[in-house]
Amino acid sequence: MTSFPPFRDFSKLRVLLSNDDGISAAGLELLERIARTLTDDVWVVAPTVERSGAGHSLTIHEPLRPVKISDRRYSVSGTPTDCVMVAINHIMKENPPDLVLSGINHGGNLGEDVHYSGTVAAAMEGVLLGVPSIAMSQVWNDGEAIRWDAAEHFAADVIRKVCAVGWGKNVLINVNFPDRAIGDVKGVLPTTQGKHKVGDDLLLRHDPRGRPYLWIGNRRMSDTSRDGTDLKAAADGFISVTPLNVDLTHAPTLAALGKVFPAP
């Protein structure tokens, strides 16, 4: 299997940052500070406004408008996927990035969240365009102020160690930092994707004219009991590092179908 080669000398790397919380997000500002401890060649291309939950969507029915905010810093009127595509294929076309970092998301991207997450989608687009990519998220509890302590303290070291390994060219790395003080973080665990469904709780409301509308609720049916999952790791105070394959083909089922529909 072909793989992205490992790299250790970050001073020579060109890094692209993006997110789904928007160009003004605190998590992106934090990620930029972290990235600049690794290399001076940092570019930022992020959505003009928050695009959480956009998933791996493209804007195809209206134009995209990249706006240069400052040197190596742009906003794009589109989704996280649009941003990475515009960055690699347009803004940075003559000298593309060596690494894409997405985040740091305001909230975890665990379990099935990865299918809806714009943060993960930005990293996925980087991989599809041939650039090793890491998505990063800071877990927090709804109703409480988010604390970025774990991400700020550990992110640079996690990035260095992951990149020193290298990984498959169909793979992105999904990192989640637990909602813990620095001294309470227990370590880093390689994990699998857990079971964590959002959107089953639809809240029926009525507007001032009595017409019904729906909100997708935040309730999640989470399985934090299975060892080895991202959900279990985050709940127990570990940083989870999950390799996600962008090729969704299920090999055992494909083999079974081959017996039913043999090749001519």
C-alpha atoms as a PDB file:
ATOM      1  CA  MET A   1       0.000   0.000   0.000  1.00  0.00           C
ATOM      2  CA  THR A   2       1.363   3.415  -0.939  1.00  0.00           C
ATOM      3  CA  SER A   3       1.841   5.745   1.993  1.00  0.00           C
ATOM      4  CA  PHE A   4       2.602   9.347   2.758  1.00  0.00           C
ATOM      5  CA  PRO A   5       6.280   9.385   3.710  1.00  0.00           C
ATOM      6  CA  PRO A   6       7.120  10.270   7.298  1.00  0.00           C
ATOM      7  CA  PHE A   7       8.742  13.618   7.935  1.00  0.00           C
ATOM      8  CA  ARG A   8      10.466  15.054  10.957  1.00  0.00           C
ATOM      9  CA  ASP A   9      12.024  18.378   9.913  1.00  0.00           C
ATOM     10  CA  PHE A  10       9.010  20.692  10.042  1.00  0.00           C
ATOM     11  CA  SER A  11      11.100  23.804   9.437  1.00  0.00           C
ATOM     12  CA  LYS A  12      11.085  22.976   5.716  1.00  0.00           C
ATOM     13  CA  LEU A  13       7.371  22.225   5.474  1.00  0.00           C
ATOM     14  CA  ARG A  14       4.580  24.337   4.019  1.00  0.00           C
ATOM     15  CA  VAL A  15       1.416  23.887   6.097  1.00  0.00           C
ATOM     16  CA  LEU A  16      -2.189  24.751   5.183  1.00  0.00           C
ATOM     17  CA  LEU A  17      -4.716  25.425   7.947  1.00  0.00           C
ATOM     18  CA  SER A  18      -8.479  25.308   7.577  1.00  0.00           C
ATOM     19  CA  ASN A  19     -11.541  24.625   9.729  1.00  0.00           C
ATOM     20  CA  ASP A  20     -15.344  24.656   9.821  1.00  0.00           C
ATOM     21  CA  ASP A  21     -15.830  27.224  12.603  1.00  0.00           C
ATOM     22  CA  GLY A  22     -14.848  30.103  10.341  1.00  0.00           C
ATOM     23  CA  ILE A  23     -11.907  32.408   9.751  1.00  0.00           C
ATOM     24  CA  SER A  24     -12.413  34.242  13.065  1.00  0.00           C
ATOM     25  CA  ALA A  25     -12.693  31.142  15.277  1.00  0.00           C
ATOM     26  CA  ALA A  26     -10.656  30.888  18.459  1.00  0.00           C
ATOM     27  CA  GLY A  27      -9.667  27.313  17.604  1.00  0.00           C
ATOM     28  CA  LEU A  28      -8.176  28.391  14.281  1.00  0.00           C
ATOM     29  CA  GLU A  29      -6.230  31.170  15.995  1.00  0.00           C
ATOM     30  CA  LEU A  30      -4.884  28.583  18.429  1.00  0.00           C
ATOM     31  CA  LEU A  31      -3.983  26.187  15.617  1.00  0.00           C
ATOM     32  CA  GLU A  32      -2.111  28.953  13.828  1.00  0.00           C
ATOM     33  CA  ARG A  33      -0.016  29.625  16.929  1.00  0.00           C
ATOM     34  CA  ILE A  34       0.706  25.918  17.265  1.00  0.00           C
ATOM     35  CA  ALA A  35       1.610  25.554  13.580  1.00  0.00           C
ATOM     36  CA  ARG A  36       4.052  28.449  13.813  1.00  0.00           C
ATOM     37  CA  THR A  37       6.008  26.553  16.452  1.00  0.00           C
ATOM     38  CA  LEU A  38       6.590  23.898  13.774  1.00  0.00           C
ATOM     39  CA  THR A  39       7.303  26.034  10.706  1.00  0.00           C
ATOM     40  CA  ASP A  40       7.243  29.640   9.491  1.00  0.00           C
ATOM     41  CA  ASP A  41       5.515  28.660   6.230  1.00  0.00           C
ATOM     42  CA  VAL A  42       1.901  28.646   7.420  1.00  0.00           C
ATOM     43  CA  TRP A  43      -1.101  29.431   5.221  1.00  0.00           C
ATOM     44  CA  VAL A  44      -4.690  29.883   6.378  1.00  0.00           C
ATOM     45  CA  VAL A  45      -7.701  29.367   4.084  1.00  0.00           C
ATOM     46  CA  ALA A  46     -10.970  29.066   6.008  1.00  0.00           C
ATOM     47  CA  PRO A  47     -14.713  29.697   5.568  1.00  0.00           C
ATOM     48  CA  THR A  48     -15.937  33.266   5.845  1.00  0.00           C
ATOM     49  CA  VAL A  49     -18.577  32.138   8.367  1.00  0.00           C
ATOM     50  CA  GLU A  50     -19.118  29.061  10.512  1.00  0.00           C
ATOM     51  CA  ARG A  51     -19.912  25.954   8.469  1.00  0.00           C
ATOM     52  CA  SER A  52     -20.202  23.326  11.211  1.00  0.00           C
ATOM     53  CA  GLY A  53     -22.025  20.199  10.076  1.00  0.00           C
ATOM     54  CA  ALA A  54     -21.321  20.929   6.416  1.00  0.00           C
ATOM     55  CA  GLY A  55     -19.708  17.529   5.993  1.00  0.00           C
ATOM     56  CA  HIS A  56     -17.843  16.902   2.756  1.00  0.00           C
ATOM     57  CA  SER A  57     -20.056  19.208   0.706  1.00  0.00           C
ATOM     58  CA  LEU A  58     -19.076  21.323  -2.289  1.00  0.00           C
ATOM     59  CA  THR A  59     -20.536  24.640  -3.423  1.00  0.00           C
ATOM     60  CA  ILE A  60     -21.554  24.090  -7.047  1.00  0.00           C
ATOM     61  CA  HIS A  61     -24.585  26.372  -7.558  1.00  0.00           C
ATOM     62  CA  GLU A  62     -22.945  29.706  -6.744  1.00  0.00           C
ATOM     63  CA  PRO A  63     -19.482  31.217  -7.174  1.00  0.00           C
ATOM     64  CA  LEU A  64     -16.757  30.997  -4.554  1.00  0.00           C
ATOM     65  CA  ARG A  65     -15.109  34.238  -3.483  1.00  0.00           C
ATOM     66  CA  PRO A  66     -11.634  33.978  -1.967  1.00  0.00           C
ATOM     67  CA  VAL A  67     -10.691  37.159  -0.094  1.00  0.00           C
ATOM     68  CA  LYS A  68      -7.097  37.912   0.884  1.00  0.00           C
ATOM     69  CA  ILE A  69      -7.132  39.154   4.471  1.00  0.00           C
ATOM     70  CA  SER A  70      -3.384  39.427   4.908  1.00  0.00           C
ATOM     71  CA  ASP A  71      -0.225  37.695   3.743  1.00  0.00           C
ATOM     72  CA  ARG A  72      -0.920  33.928   3.469  1.00  0.00           C
ATOM     73  CA  ARG A  73      -4.365  34.339   5.059  1.00  0.00           C
ATOM     74  CA  TYR A  74      -7.622  34.018   3.102  1.00  0.00           C
ATOM     75  CA  SER A  75     -11.326  33.545   3.693  1.00  0.00           C
ATOM     76  CA  VAL A  76     -13.578  31.732   1.228  1.00  0.00           C
ATOM     77  CA  SER A  77     -17.352  32.040   0.863  1.00  0.00           C
ATOM     78  CA  GLY A  78     -17.883  28.298   0.931  1.00  0.00           C
ATOM     79  CA  THR A  79     -17.560  25.052   2.844  1.00  0.00           C
ATOM     80  CA  PRO A  80     -14.422  23.610   4.462  1.00  0.00           C
ATOM     81  CA  THR A  81     -14.075  21.320   1.456  1.00  0.00           C
ATOM     82  CA  ASP A  82     -14.245  24.327  -0.865  1.00  0.00           C
ATOM     83  CA  CYS A  83     -11.547  26.060   1.177  1.00  0.00           C
ATOM     84  CA  VAL A  84      -9.033  23.228   0.914  1.00  0.00           C
ATOM     85  CA  MET A  85      -9.784  22.733  -2.770  1.00  0.00           C
ATOM     86  CA  VAL A  86      -9.387  26.445  -3.514  1.00  0.00           C
ATOM     87  CA  ALA A  87      -6.204  26.611  -1.455  1.00  0.00           C
ATOM     88  CA  ILE A  88      -4.458  23.654  -3.075  1.00  0.00           C
ATOM     89  CA  ASN A  89      -5.741  24.052  -6.631  1.00  0.00           C
ATOM     90  CA  HIS A  90      -5.738  27.858  -6.844  1.00  0.00           C
ATOM     91  CA  ILE A  91      -4.152  29.959  -4.104  1.00  0.00           C
ATOM     92  CA  MET A  92      -1.195  27.626  -3.497  1.00  0.00           C
ATOM     93  CA  LYS A  93      -1.208  25.942  -6.899  1.00  0.00           C
ATOM     94  CA  GLU A  94       2.382  26.846  -7.785  1.00  0.00           C
ATOM     95  CA  ASN A  95       3.734  25.588  -4.466  1.00  0.00           C
ATOM     96  CA  PRO A  96       1.182  23.341  -2.706  1.00  0.00           C
ATOM     97  CA  PRO A  97       1.260  22.464   0.985  1.00  0.00           C
ATOM     98  CA  ASP A  98       3.087  19.487   2.446  1.00  0.00           C
ATOM     99  CA  LEU A  99       0.551  19.075   5.251  1.00  0.00           C
ATOM    100  CA  VAL A 100      -3.059  20.083   5.948  1.00  0.00           C
ATOM    101  CA  LEU A 101      -4.163  20.752   9.528  1.00  0.00           C
ATOM    102  CA  SER A 102      -7.884  21.245  10.142  1.00  0.00           C
ATOM    103  CA  GLY A 103      -9.375  22.694  13.328  1.00  0.00           C
ATOM    104  CA  ILE A 104      -9.013  23.048  16.141  1.00  0.00           C
ATOM    105  CA  ASN A 105     -12.742  22.395  16.280  1.00  0.00           C
ATOM    106  CA  HIS A 106     -14.909  23.839  19.044  1.00  0.00           C
ATOM    107  CA  GLY A 107     -16.197  20.460  20.239  1.00  0.00           C
ATOM    108  CA  GLY A 108     -15.292  16.829  19.675  1.00  0.00           C
ATOM    109  CA  ASN A 109     -15.599  14.916  16.427  1.00  0.00           C
ATOM    110  CA  LEU A 110     -16.074  11.381  17.710  1.00  0.00           C
ATOM    111  CA  GLY A 111     -17.873   8.306  16.413  1.00  0.00           C
ATOM    112  CA  GLU A 112     -20.345   9.086  13.647  1.00  0.00           C
ATOM    113  CA  ASP A 113     -19.627  12.810  14.005  1.00  0.00           C
ATOM    114  CA  VAL A 114     -16.921  12.297  11.409  1.00  0.00           C
ATOM    115  CA  HIS A 115     -19.549  11.869   8.677  1.00  0.00           C
ATOM    116  CA  TYR A 116     -21.088  15.285   9.375  1.00  0.00           C
ATOM    117  CA  SER A 117     -18.003  17.202  10.450  1.00  0.00           C
ATOM    118  CA  GLY A 118     -16.644  19.979   8.276  1.00  0.00           C
ATOM    119  CA  THR A 119     -13.408  19.749  10.253  1.00  0.00           C
ATOM    120  CA  VAL A 120     -12.920  16.134   9.222  1.00  0.00           C
ATOM    121  CA  ALA A 121     -14.102  16.933   5.695  1.00  0.00           C
ATOM    122  CA  ALA A 122     -11.372  19.548   5.237  1.00  0.00           C
ATOM    123  CA  ALA A 123      -8.773  16.933   6.145  1.00  0.00           C
ATOM    124  CA  MET A 124     -10.481  14.414   3.872  1.00  0.00           C
ATOM    125  CA  GLU A 125     -10.267  16.824   0.946  1.00  0.00           C
ATOM    126  CA  GLY A 126      -6.587  17.303   1.618  1.00  0.00           C
ATOM    127  CA  VAL A 127      -6.046  13.540   1.427  1.00  0.00           C
ATOM    128  CA  LEU A 128      -8.070  13.285  -1.777  1.00  0.00           C
ATOM    129  CA  LEU A 129      -5.821  15.965  -3.270  1.00  0.00           C
ATOM    130  CA  GLY A 130      -2.729  14.014  -2.275  1.00  0.00           C
ATOM    131  CA  VAL A 131      -1.680  15.884   0.872  1.00  0.00           C
ATOM    132  CA  PRO A 132      -1.343  14.202   4.299  1.00  0.00           C
ATOM    133  CA  SER A 133      -3.966  15.710   6.577  1.00  0.00           C
ATOM    134  CA  ILE A 134      -4.865  15.823  10.263  1.00  0.00           C
ATOM    135  CA  ALA A 135      -8.186  16.928  11.775  1.00  0.00           C
ATOM    136  CA  MET A 136      -8.125  18.148  15.383  1.00  0.00           C
ATOM    137  CA  SER A 137     -10.957  18.823  17.825  1.00  0.00           C
ATOM    138  CA  GLN A 138     -11.263  19.916  21.443  1.00  0.00           C
ATOM    139  CA  VAL A 139     -13.983  18.034  23.333  1.00  0.00           C
ATOM    140  CA  TRP A 140     -16.188  20.122  25.610  1.00  0.00           C
ATOM    141  CA  ASN A 141     -19.435  19.840  27.567  1.00  0.00           C
ATOM    142  CA  ASP A 142     -22.444  21.775  26.294  1.00  0.00           C
ATOM    143  CA  GLY A 143     -23.376  24.658  28.550  1.00  0.00           C
ATOM    144  CA  GLU A 144     -19.846  25.128  29.866  1.00  0.00           C
ATOM    145  CA  ALA A 145     -17.066  27.394  28.683  1.00  0.00           C
ATOM    146  CA  ILE A 146     -14.683  25.539  26.425  1.00  0.00           C
ATOM    147  CA  ARG A 147     -11.145  25.132  27.698  1.00  0.00           C
ATOM    148  CA  TRP A 148      -8.443  24.749  25.094  1.00  0.00           C
ATOM    149  CA  ASP A 149      -5.779  23.655  27.592  1.00  0.00           C
ATOM    150  CA  ALA A 150      -5.293  20.102  26.349  1.00  0.00           C
ATOM    151  CA  ALA A 151      -5.175  21.030  22.679  1.00  0.00           C
ATOM    152  CA  GLU A 152      -2.852  23.974  23.246  1.00  0.00           C
ATOM    153  CA  HIS A 153      -0.420  21.957  25.348  1.00  0.00           C
ATOM    154  CA  PHE A 154      -0.321  18.652  23.456  1.00  0.00           C
ATOM    155  CA  ALA A 155      -1.191  19.379  19.798  1.00  0.00           C
ATOM    156  CA  ALA A 156       2.299  20.190  18.519  1.00  0.00           C
ATOM    157  CA  ASP A 157       3.795  17.020  20.012  1.00  0.00           C
ATOM    158  CA  VAL A 158       0.959  14.869  18.646  1.00  0.00           C
ATOM    159  CA  ILE A 159       1.439  16.357  15.173  1.00  0.00           C
ATOM    160  CA  ARG A 160       5.189  15.713  15.268  1.00  0.00           C
ATOM    161  CA  LYS A 161       4.810  12.108  16.396  1.00  0.00           C
ATOM    162  CA  VAL A 162       2.020  11.258  13.939  1.00  0.00           C
ATOM    163  CA  CYS A 163       3.943  12.745  11.024  1.00  0.00           C
ATOM    164  CA  ALA A 164       7.099  10.853  12.013  1.00  0.00           C
ATOM    165  CA  VAL A 165       5.181   7.624  11.383  1.00  0.00           C
ATOM    166  CA  GLY A 166       3.575   8.379   8.031  1.00  0.00           C
ATOM    167  CA  TRP A 167       0.314   6.738   6.945  1.00  0.00           C
ATOM    168  CA  GLY A 168      -1.613   5.399   3.978  1.00  0.00           C
ATOM    169  CA  LYS A 169      -2.548   7.762   1.153  1.00  0.00           C
ATOM    170  CA  ASN A 170      -6.248   6.931   1.580  1.00  0.00           C
ATOM    171  CA  VAL A 171      -6.119   7.823   5.264  1.00  0.00           C
ATOM    172  CA  LEU A 172      -6.639  10.979   7.311  1.00  0.00           C
ATOM    173  CA  ILE A 173      -5.826  11.280  11.013  1.00  0.00           C
ATOM    174  CA  ASN A 174      -8.587  12.392  13.393  1.00  0.00           C
ATOM    175  CA  VAL A 175      -7.374  13.717  16.766  1.00  0.00           C
ATOM    176  CA  ASN A 176      -9.635  14.551  19.721  1.00  0.00           C
ATOM    177  CA  PHE A 177      -8.360  16.241  22.877  1.00  0.00           C
ATOM    178  CA  PRO A 178     -10.284  15.406  26.076  1.00  0.00           C
ATOM    179  CA  ASP A 179     -12.045  18.049  28.147  1.00  0.00           C
ATOM    180  CA  ARG A 180      -9.432  17.868  30.887  1.00  0.00           C
ATOM    181  CA  ALA A 181      -6.905  20.125  32.559  1.00  0.00           C
ATOM    182  CA  ILE A 182      -3.383  19.503  31.308  1.00  0.00           C
ATOM    183  CA  GLY A 183      -2.349  17.547  34.381  1.00  0.00           C
ATOM    184  CA  ASP A 184      -5.409  15.307  34.099  1.00  0.00           C
ATOM    185  CA  VAL A 185      -4.729  14.165  30.524  1.00  0.00           C
ATOM    186  CA  LYS A 186      -3.666  10.529  30.815  1.00  0.00           C
ATOM    187  CA  GLY A 187      -1.806  10.185  27.522  1.00  0.00           C
ATOM    188  CA  VAL A 188      -2.391   9.436  23.846  1.00  0.00           C
ATOM    189  CA  LEU A 189      -4.187   6.366  22.489  1.00  0.00           C
ATOM    190  CA  PRO A 190      -4.539   5.060  18.918  1.00  0.00           C
ATOM    191  CA  THR A 191      -8.274   4.361  18.606  1.00  0.00           C
ATOM    192  CA  THR A 192     -11.045   3.100  16.376  1.00  0.00           C
ATOM    193  CA  GLN A 193     -14.194   5.054  15.504  1.00  0.00           C
ATOM    194  CA  GLY A 194     -16.841   4.556  18.176  1.00  0.00           C
ATOM    195  CA  LYS A 195     -20.636   4.569  18.115  1.00  0.00           C
ATOM    196  CA  HIS A 196     -22.046   8.005  18.751  1.00  0.00           C
ATOM    197  CA  LYS A 197     -25.218   9.075  16.939  1.00  0.00           C
ATOM    198  CA  VAL A 198     -26.451  12.637  16.714  1.00  0.00           C
ATOM    199  CA  GLY A 199     -29.765  13.867  15.309  1.00  0.00           C
ATOM    200  CA  ASP A 200     -32.167  11.242  16.661  1.00  0.00           C
ATOM    201  CA  ASP A 201     -33.705  13.855  18.954  1.00  0.00           C
ATOM    202  CA  LEU A 202     -35.795  16.189  16.771  1.00  0.00           C
ATOM    203  CA  LEU A 203     -37.281  19.076  18.757  1.00  0.00           C
ATOM    204  CA  LEU A 204     -40.680  20.275  17.555  1.00  0.00           C
ATOM    205  CA  ARG A 205     -41.323  23.988  18.142  1.00  0.00           C
ATOM    206  CA  HIS A 206     -43.761  26.606  16.867  1.00  0.00           C
ATOM    207  CA  ASP A 207     -42.982  30.077  15.578  1.00  0.00           C
ATOM    208  CA  PRO A 208     -44.922  33.186  16.749  1.00  0.00           C
ATOM    209  CA  ARG A 209     -47.570  32.505  14.086  1.00  0.00           C
ATOM    210  CA  GLY A 210     -48.122  28.963  15.283  1.00  0.00           C
ATOM    211  CA  ARG A 211     -46.382  27.254  12.381  1.00  0.00           C
ATOM    212  CA  PRO A 212     -44.315  24.175  13.324  1.00  0.00           C
ATOM    213  CA  TYR A 213     -40.597  23.855  12.772  1.00  0.00           C
ATOM    214  CA  LEU A 214     -37.881  21.407  13.853  1.00  0.00           C
ATOM    215  CA  TRP A 215     -34.479  21.714  15.509  1.00  0.00           C
ATOM    216  CA  ILE A 216     -32.018  18.839  15.329  1.00  0.00           C
ATOM    217  CA  GLY A 217     -31.182  18.188  18.983  1.00  0.00           C
ATOM    218  CA  ASN A 218     -27.792  17.599  20.539  1.00  0.00           C
ATOM    219  CA  ARG A 219     -28.630  14.357  22.321  1.00  0.00           C
ATOM    220  CA  ARG A 220     -26.189  11.611  21.479  1.00  0.00           C
ATOM    221  CA  MET A 221     -26.516   7.908  22.193  1.00  0.00           C
ATOM    222  CA  SER A 222     -22.870   7.249  22.997  1.00  0.00           C
ATOM    223  CA  ASP A 223     -21.191   3.927  23.671  1.00  0.00           C
ATOM    224  CA  THR A 224     -18.259   4.759  25.943  1.00  0.00           C
ATOM    225  CA  SER A 225     -17.937   1.210  27.240  1.00  0.00           C
ATOM    226  CA  ARG A 226     -16.018  -0.330  24.345  1.00  0.00           C
ATOM    227  CA  ASP A 227     -12.277  -0.262  24.922  1.00  0.00           C
ATOM    228  CA  GLY A 228     -10.191   1.036  22.069  1.00  0.00           C
ATOM    229  CA  THR A 229     -12.711   3.553  20.693  1.00  0.00           C
ATOM    230  CA  ASP A 230     -12.291   7.306  20.364  1.00  0.00           C
ATOM    231  CA  LEU A 231     -15.319   7.827  22.625  1.00  0.00           C
ATOM    232  CA  LYS A 232     -13.921   5.646  25.397  1.00  0.00           C
ATOM    233  CA  ALA A 233     -10.515   7.296  25.183  1.00  0.00           C
ATOM    234  CA  ALA A 234     -11.891  10.831  25.373  1.00  0.00           C
ATOM    235  CA  ALA A 235     -14.230   9.930  28.239  1.00  0.00           C
ATOM    236  CA  ASP A 236     -11.313   8.425  30.164  1.00  0.00           C
ATOM    237  CA  GLY A 237      -9.109  11.479  29.672  1.00  0.00           C
ATOM    238  CA  PHE A 238      -6.922  10.334  26.783  1.00  0.00           C
ATOM    239  CA  ILE A 239      -6.116  12.077  23.522  1.00  0.00           C
ATOM    240  CA  SER A 240      -7.532   9.853  20.783  1.00  0.00           C
ATOM    241  CA  VAL A 241      -5.755   9.450  17.447  1.00  0.00           C
ATOM    242  CA  THR A 242      -7.951   7.688  14.893  1.00  0.00           C
ATOM    243  CA  PRO A 243      -6.891   6.804  11.320  1.00  0.00           C
ATOM    244  CA  LEU A 244      -9.909   7.152   9.019  1.00  0.00           C
ATOM    245  CA  ASN A 245     -10.015   5.547   5.583  1.00  0.00           C
ATOM    246  CA  VAL A 246     -11.592   7.670   2.847  1.00  0.00           C
ATOM    247  CA  ASP A 247     -12.233   4.511   0.792  1.00  0.00           C
ATOM    248  CA  LEU A 248     -15.562   3.283   2.206  1.00  0.00           C
ATOM    249  CA  THR A 249     -15.517  -0.054   0.372  1.00  0.00           C
ATOM    250  CA  HIS A 250     -16.233  -2.999   2.703  1.00  0.00           C
ATOM    251  CA  ALA A 251     -13.900  -5.763   1.549  1.00  0.00           C
ATOM    252  CA  PRO A 252     -15.726  -8.799   3.102  1.00  0.00           C
ATOM    253  CA  THR A 253     -19.054  -7.795   1.537  1.00  0.00           C
ATOM    254  CA  LEU A 254     -17.344  -7.123  -1.781  1.00  0.00           C
ATOM    255  CA  ALA A 255     -15.915 -10.650  -1.678  1.00  0.00           C
ATOM    256  CA  ALA A 256     -19.348 -12.120  -0.866  1.00  0.00           C
ATOM    257  CA  LEU A 257     -20.930 -10.198  -3.741  1.00  0.00           C
ATOM    258  CA  GLY A 258     -18.235 -11.537  -6.038  1.00  0.00           C
ATOM    259  CA  LYS A 259     -19.552 -15.024  -5.405  1.00  0.00           C
ATOM    260  CA  VAL A 260     -23.116 -13.976  -6.276  1.00  0.00           C
ATOM    261  CA  PHE A 261     -22.081 -11.885  -9.283  1.00  0.00           C
ATOM    262  CA  PRO A 262     -18.960 -13.637 -10.656  1.00  0.00           C
ATOM    263  CA  ALA A 263     -16.776 -11.773 -13.116  1.00  0.00           C
ATOM    264  CA  PRO A 264     -17.400 -12.745 -16.756  1.00  0.00           C
END
